[in-house]
């Protein structure tokens, strides 16, 4: 009973983090701010949801698999955010140089 309540509470808090990341994605003005809000909130939200699921399942091997999944998502999120930020920086420098009449 206590584990069920704790698991549910942790999952709800994780969903709140997902919601905050989504709101940040919609509300922030530039790409880097959006990426920051999305990656930080979603990684914490996913960790909390997976902890809640691991508590609910109660199996050590399943908890290890969930941990591996979380680590893979952390790696993928950081690489994709870095790539998107780099592309955005390249595009903004091209726009700035085109506006000033310089060639890149």
N, C-alpha and C. Protein backbone atom coordinates (compact mmCIF):
# COMPACT_ATOMS: atom_id res chain seq x y z
N UNK A 1 0.82 -1.20 0.00
CA UNK A 1 0.00 0.00 0.00
C UNK A 1 0.87 1.26 0.00
N UNK A 2 1.86 1.31 0.89
CA UNK A 2 2.74 2.48 0.95
C UNK A 2 3.55 2.61 -0.33
N UNK A 3 4.03 1.46 -0.84
CA UNK A 3 4.81 1.47 -2.08
C UNK A 3 3.95 1.97 -3.24
N UNK A 4 2.69 1.58 -3.28
CA UNK A 4 1.80 2.04 -4.34
C UNK A 4 1.61 3.55 -4.29
N UNK A 5 1.41 4.09 -3.09
CA UNK A 5 1.25 5.54 -2.95
C UNK A 5 2.52 6.28 -3.32
N UNK A 6 3.65 5.77 -2.85
CA UNK A 6 4.94 6.40 -3.17
C UNK A 6 5.22 6.34 -4.66
N UNK A 7 4.95 5.20 -5.26
CA UNK A 7 5.14 5.04 -6.69
C UNK A 7 4.26 6.01 -7.48
N UNK A 8 3.01 6.09 -7.11
CA UNK A 8 2.09 7.02 -7.78
C UNK A 8 2.52 8.46 -7.63
N UNK A 9 2.97 8.83 -6.44
CA UNK A 9 3.40 10.21 -6.21
C UNK A 9 4.63 10.55 -7.03
N UNK A 10 5.59 9.63 -7.10
CA UNK A 10 6.80 9.87 -7.88
C UNK A 10 6.47 9.99 -9.37
N UNK A 11 5.56 9.16 -9.85
CA UNK A 11 5.16 9.23 -11.26
C UNK A 11 4.46 10.55 -11.54
N UNK A 12 3.59 10.99 -10.64
CA UNK A 12 2.90 12.28 -10.84
C UNK A 12 3.89 13.43 -10.87
N UNK A 13 4.88 13.42 -9.98
CA UNK A 13 5.90 14.48 -9.99
C UNK A 13 6.68 14.43 -11.31
N UNK A 14 6.97 13.24 -11.81
CA UNK A 14 7.64 13.11 -13.10
C UNK A 14 6.82 13.69 -14.23
N UNK A 15 5.53 13.45 -14.21
CA UNK A 15 4.65 14.01 -15.23
C UNK A 15 4.61 15.53 -15.13
N UNK A 16 4.68 16.07 -13.92
CA UNK A 16 4.74 17.53 -13.74
C UNK A 16 6.00 18.08 -14.40
N UNK A 17 7.13 17.39 -14.25
CA UNK A 17 8.36 17.84 -14.91
C UNK A 17 8.22 17.78 -16.43
N UNK A 18 7.60 16.72 -16.95
CA UNK A 18 7.35 16.65 -18.39
C UNK A 18 6.50 17.82 -18.86
N UNK A 19 5.47 18.14 -18.09
CA UNK A 19 4.59 19.26 -18.43
C UNK A 19 5.35 20.58 -18.40
N UNK A 20 6.21 20.76 -17.41
CA UNK A 20 7.01 21.99 -17.33
C UNK A 20 7.95 22.11 -18.52
N UNK A 21 8.54 21.01 -18.94
CA UNK A 21 9.40 21.03 -20.12
C UNK A 21 8.63 21.38 -21.38
N UNK A 22 7.42 20.87 -21.50
CA UNK A 22 6.59 21.18 -22.66
C UNK A 22 6.19 22.65 -22.66
N UNK A 23 5.85 23.18 -21.51
CA UNK A 23 5.51 24.61 -21.42
C UNK A 23 6.73 25.46 -21.77
N UNK A 24 7.91 25.06 -21.30
CA UNK A 24 9.13 25.78 -21.65
C UNK A 24 9.40 25.74 -23.14
N UNK A 25 9.13 24.61 -23.77
CA UNK A 25 9.31 24.49 -25.21
C UNK A 25 8.41 25.47 -25.96
N UNK A 26 7.23 25.66 -25.47
CA UNK A 26 6.27 26.55 -26.14
C UNK A 26 6.54 28.02 -25.81
N UNK A 27 6.91 28.31 -24.57
CA UNK A 27 6.96 29.70 -24.11
C UNK A 27 8.28 30.42 -24.33
N UNK A 28 9.42 29.71 -24.29
CA UNK A 28 10.71 30.40 -24.38
C UNK A 28 10.96 30.93 -25.78
N UNK A 29 11.68 32.06 -25.89
CA UNK A 29 11.79 32.75 -27.17
C UNK A 29 12.79 32.16 -28.16
N UNK A 30 13.90 31.61 -27.69
CA UNK A 30 14.92 31.18 -28.65
C UNK A 30 15.20 29.68 -28.51
N UNK A 31 15.92 29.17 -29.48
CA UNK A 31 16.17 27.74 -29.57
C UNK A 31 16.94 27.21 -28.37
N UNK A 32 17.96 27.91 -27.95
CA UNK A 32 18.78 27.40 -26.84
C UNK A 32 18.01 27.35 -25.53
N UNK A 33 17.19 28.34 -25.27
CA UNK A 33 16.37 28.32 -24.05
C UNK A 33 15.37 27.17 -24.10
N UNK A 34 14.79 26.96 -25.27
CA UNK A 34 13.84 25.86 -25.42
C UNK A 34 14.51 24.51 -25.21
N UNK A 35 15.69 24.34 -25.79
CA UNK A 35 16.41 23.08 -25.61
C UNK A 35 16.77 22.85 -24.15
N UNK A 36 17.20 23.90 -23.47
CA UNK A 36 17.57 23.77 -22.06
C UNK A 36 16.37 23.32 -21.23
N UNK A 37 15.25 23.98 -21.42
CA UNK A 37 14.05 23.63 -20.65
C UNK A 37 13.61 22.21 -20.97
N UNK A 38 13.64 21.87 -22.23
CA UNK A 38 13.14 20.56 -22.64
C UNK A 38 14.03 19.43 -22.15
N UNK A 39 15.34 19.55 -22.34
CA UNK A 39 16.22 18.44 -21.96
C UNK A 39 16.31 18.27 -20.45
N UNK A 40 16.41 19.35 -19.72
CA UNK A 40 16.53 19.23 -18.26
C UNK A 40 15.25 18.67 -17.65
N UNK A 41 14.14 19.26 -17.99
CA UNK A 41 12.88 18.83 -17.39
C UNK A 41 12.51 17.41 -17.82
N UNK A 42 12.73 17.08 -19.08
CA UNK A 42 12.37 15.75 -19.54
C UNK A 42 13.27 14.67 -18.96
N UNK A 43 14.55 14.95 -18.78
CA UNK A 43 15.44 13.95 -18.18
C UNK A 43 15.08 13.69 -16.72
N UNK A 44 14.78 14.75 -15.99
CA UNK A 44 14.37 14.56 -14.59
C UNK A 44 13.00 13.88 -14.53
N UNK A 45 12.09 14.31 -15.41
CA UNK A 45 10.77 13.70 -15.45
C UNK A 45 10.83 12.22 -15.78
N UNK A 46 11.66 11.86 -16.75
CA UNK A 46 11.79 10.45 -17.11
C UNK A 46 12.39 9.65 -15.95
N UNK A 47 13.38 10.21 -15.29
CA UNK A 47 13.98 9.52 -14.15
C UNK A 47 12.93 9.25 -13.07
N UNK A 48 12.12 10.24 -12.78
CA UNK A 48 11.10 10.06 -11.74
C UNK A 48 10.04 9.05 -12.15
N UNK A 49 9.61 9.10 -13.40
CA UNK A 49 8.63 8.13 -13.88
C UNK A 49 9.20 6.71 -13.82
N UNK A 50 10.45 6.56 -14.24
CA UNK A 50 11.05 5.23 -14.21
C UNK A 50 11.27 4.73 -12.79
N UNK A 51 11.60 5.63 -11.87
CA UNK A 51 11.71 5.23 -10.46
C UNK A 51 10.35 4.76 -9.94
N UNK A 52 9.30 5.49 -10.30
CA UNK A 52 7.96 5.07 -9.90
C UNK A 52 7.57 3.73 -10.47
N UNK A 53 7.91 3.50 -11.73
CA UNK A 53 7.61 2.21 -12.35
C UNK A 53 8.43 1.10 -11.69
N UNK A 54 9.71 1.37 -11.41
CA UNK A 54 10.55 0.37 -10.76
C UNK A 54 10.00 0.00 -9.38
N UNK A 55 9.51 1.00 -8.65
CA UNK A 55 8.90 0.72 -7.35
C UNK A 55 7.65 -0.14 -7.50
N UNK A 56 6.89 0.12 -8.54
CA UNK A 56 5.65 -0.61 -8.76
C UNK A 56 5.93 -2.06 -9.15
N UNK A 57 6.94 -2.26 -10.02
CA UNK A 57 7.26 -3.61 -10.48
C UNK A 57 7.92 -4.42 -9.37
N UNK A 58 8.86 -3.80 -8.68
CA UNK A 58 9.50 -4.46 -7.56
C UNK A 58 10.55 -5.49 -7.90
N UNK A 59 10.93 -5.58 -9.15
CA UNK A 59 11.94 -6.55 -9.58
C UNK A 59 13.28 -5.85 -9.78
N UNK A 60 14.35 -6.43 -9.25
CA UNK A 60 15.67 -5.83 -9.40
C UNK A 60 16.15 -5.82 -10.83
N UNK A 61 15.88 -6.89 -11.57
CA UNK A 61 16.33 -6.95 -12.97
C UNK A 61 15.58 -5.94 -13.83
N UNK A 62 14.31 -5.73 -13.56
CA UNK A 62 13.55 -4.72 -14.29
C UNK A 62 14.06 -3.33 -13.95
N UNK A 63 14.41 -3.10 -12.71
CA UNK A 63 14.95 -1.80 -12.31
C UNK A 63 16.27 -1.52 -13.02
N UNK A 64 17.10 -2.54 -13.19
CA UNK A 64 18.36 -2.36 -13.92
C UNK A 64 18.09 -2.03 -15.38
N UNK A 65 17.13 -2.71 -15.99
CA UNK A 65 16.78 -2.41 -17.38
C UNK A 65 16.24 -0.99 -17.52
N UNK A 66 15.44 -0.54 -16.56
CA UNK A 66 14.93 0.83 -16.60
C UNK A 66 16.06 1.83 -16.44
N UNK A 67 17.03 1.52 -15.59
CA UNK A 67 18.20 2.39 -15.42
C UNK A 67 19.00 2.48 -16.72
N UNK A 68 19.18 1.36 -17.39
CA UNK A 68 19.89 1.36 -18.67
C UNK A 68 19.14 2.19 -19.70
N UNK A 69 17.82 2.05 -19.74
CA UNK A 69 17.02 2.85 -20.67
C UNK A 69 17.16 4.33 -20.38
N UNK A 70 17.16 4.70 -19.11
CA UNK A 70 17.31 6.11 -18.74
C UNK A 70 18.66 6.65 -19.15
N UNK A 71 19.72 5.87 -18.94
CA UNK A 71 21.07 6.31 -19.33
C UNK A 71 21.15 6.49 -20.85
N UNK A 72 20.54 5.59 -21.61
CA UNK A 72 20.54 5.73 -23.07
C UNK A 72 19.79 6.99 -23.50
N UNK A 73 18.67 7.27 -22.85
CA UNK A 73 17.91 8.49 -23.18
C UNK A 73 18.70 9.73 -22.80
N UNK A 74 19.40 9.70 -21.67
CA UNK A 74 20.25 10.83 -21.28
C UNK A 74 21.29 11.12 -22.35
N UNK A 75 21.94 10.07 -22.83
CA UNK A 75 22.95 10.24 -23.88
C UNK A 75 22.35 10.76 -25.16
N UNK A 76 21.23 10.20 -25.57
CA UNK A 76 20.60 10.64 -26.82
C UNK A 76 20.11 12.08 -26.72
N UNK A 77 19.56 12.45 -25.58
CA UNK A 77 19.06 13.82 -25.41
C UNK A 77 20.19 14.83 -25.43
N UNK A 78 21.29 14.50 -24.79
CA UNK A 78 22.40 15.46 -24.77
C UNK A 78 23.04 15.62 -26.14
N UNK A 79 23.19 14.51 -26.86
CA UNK A 79 23.78 14.59 -28.21
C UNK A 79 22.85 15.34 -29.16
N UNK A 80 21.57 15.04 -29.11
CA UNK A 80 20.64 15.72 -30.02
C UNK A 80 20.51 17.21 -29.69
N UNK A 81 20.49 17.56 -28.41
CA UNK A 81 20.41 18.97 -28.03
C UNK A 81 21.66 19.72 -28.47
N UNK A 82 22.82 19.11 -28.30
CA UNK A 82 24.07 19.74 -28.72
C UNK A 82 24.09 19.93 -30.24
N UNK A 83 23.63 18.93 -30.97
CA UNK A 83 23.59 19.01 -32.43
C UNK A 83 22.63 20.11 -32.89
N UNK A 84 21.45 20.16 -32.30
CA UNK A 84 20.48 21.19 -32.67
C UNK A 84 20.99 22.59 -32.33
N UNK A 85 21.63 22.74 -31.19
CA UNK A 85 22.18 24.05 -30.81
C UNK A 85 23.29 24.46 -31.78
N UNK A 86 24.11 23.51 -32.20
CA UNK A 86 25.17 23.81 -33.17
C UNK A 86 24.61 24.23 -34.52
N UNK A 87 23.58 23.54 -34.97
CA UNK A 87 22.95 23.90 -36.24
C UNK A 87 22.31 25.28 -36.14
N UNK A 88 21.67 25.56 -35.01
CA UNK A 88 21.06 26.88 -34.80
C UNK A 88 22.11 27.97 -34.79
N UNK A 89 23.25 27.71 -34.17
CA UNK A 89 24.33 28.70 -34.12
C UNK A 89 24.90 28.94 -35.51
N UNK A 90 25.07 27.88 -36.30
CA UNK A 90 25.56 28.03 -37.67
C UNK A 90 24.58 28.84 -38.51
N UNK A 91 23.29 28.55 -38.37
CA UNK A 91 22.29 29.28 -39.15
C UNK A 91 22.23 30.74 -38.75
N UNK A 92 22.34 31.04 -37.46
CA UNK A 92 22.27 32.44 -37.04
C UNK A 92 23.51 33.21 -37.48
N UNK A 93 24.68 32.56 -37.54
CA UNK A 93 25.87 33.26 -38.02
C UNK A 93 25.80 33.49 -39.53
N UNK A 94 25.19 32.56 -40.27
CA UNK A 94 25.01 32.76 -41.70
C UNK A 94 24.05 33.91 -41.98
N UNK A 95 23.00 34.00 -41.19
CA UNK A 95 22.03 35.09 -41.36
C UNK A 95 22.69 36.42 -41.04
N UNK A 96 23.50 36.47 -39.99
CA UNK A 96 24.17 37.71 -39.61
C UNK A 96 25.17 38.14 -40.67
N UNK A 97 25.93 37.21 -41.22
CA UNK A 97 26.90 37.58 -42.25
C UNK A 97 26.21 37.96 -43.55
N UNK A 98 25.09 37.35 -43.87
CA UNK A 98 24.35 37.72 -45.08
C UNK A 98 23.74 39.11 -44.93
N UNK A 99 23.34 39.45 -43.73
CA UNK A 99 22.76 40.77 -43.49
C UNK A 99 23.78 41.89 -43.55
N UNK A 100 25.04 41.59 -43.25
CA UNK A 100 26.07 42.64 -43.26
C UNK A 100 26.80 42.73 -44.59
N UNK A 101 26.48 41.85 -45.52
CA UNK A 101 27.10 41.90 -46.84
C UNK A 101 28.41 41.16 -46.93
N UNK A 102 28.84 40.49 -45.87
CA UNK A 102 30.07 39.72 -45.89
C UNK A 102 29.79 38.32 -46.41
N UNK A 103 30.80 37.72 -47.01
CA UNK A 103 30.64 36.34 -47.43
C UNK A 103 31.32 35.44 -46.42
N UNK A 104 30.72 34.28 -46.21
CA UNK A 104 31.25 33.37 -45.19
C UNK A 104 32.36 32.50 -45.70
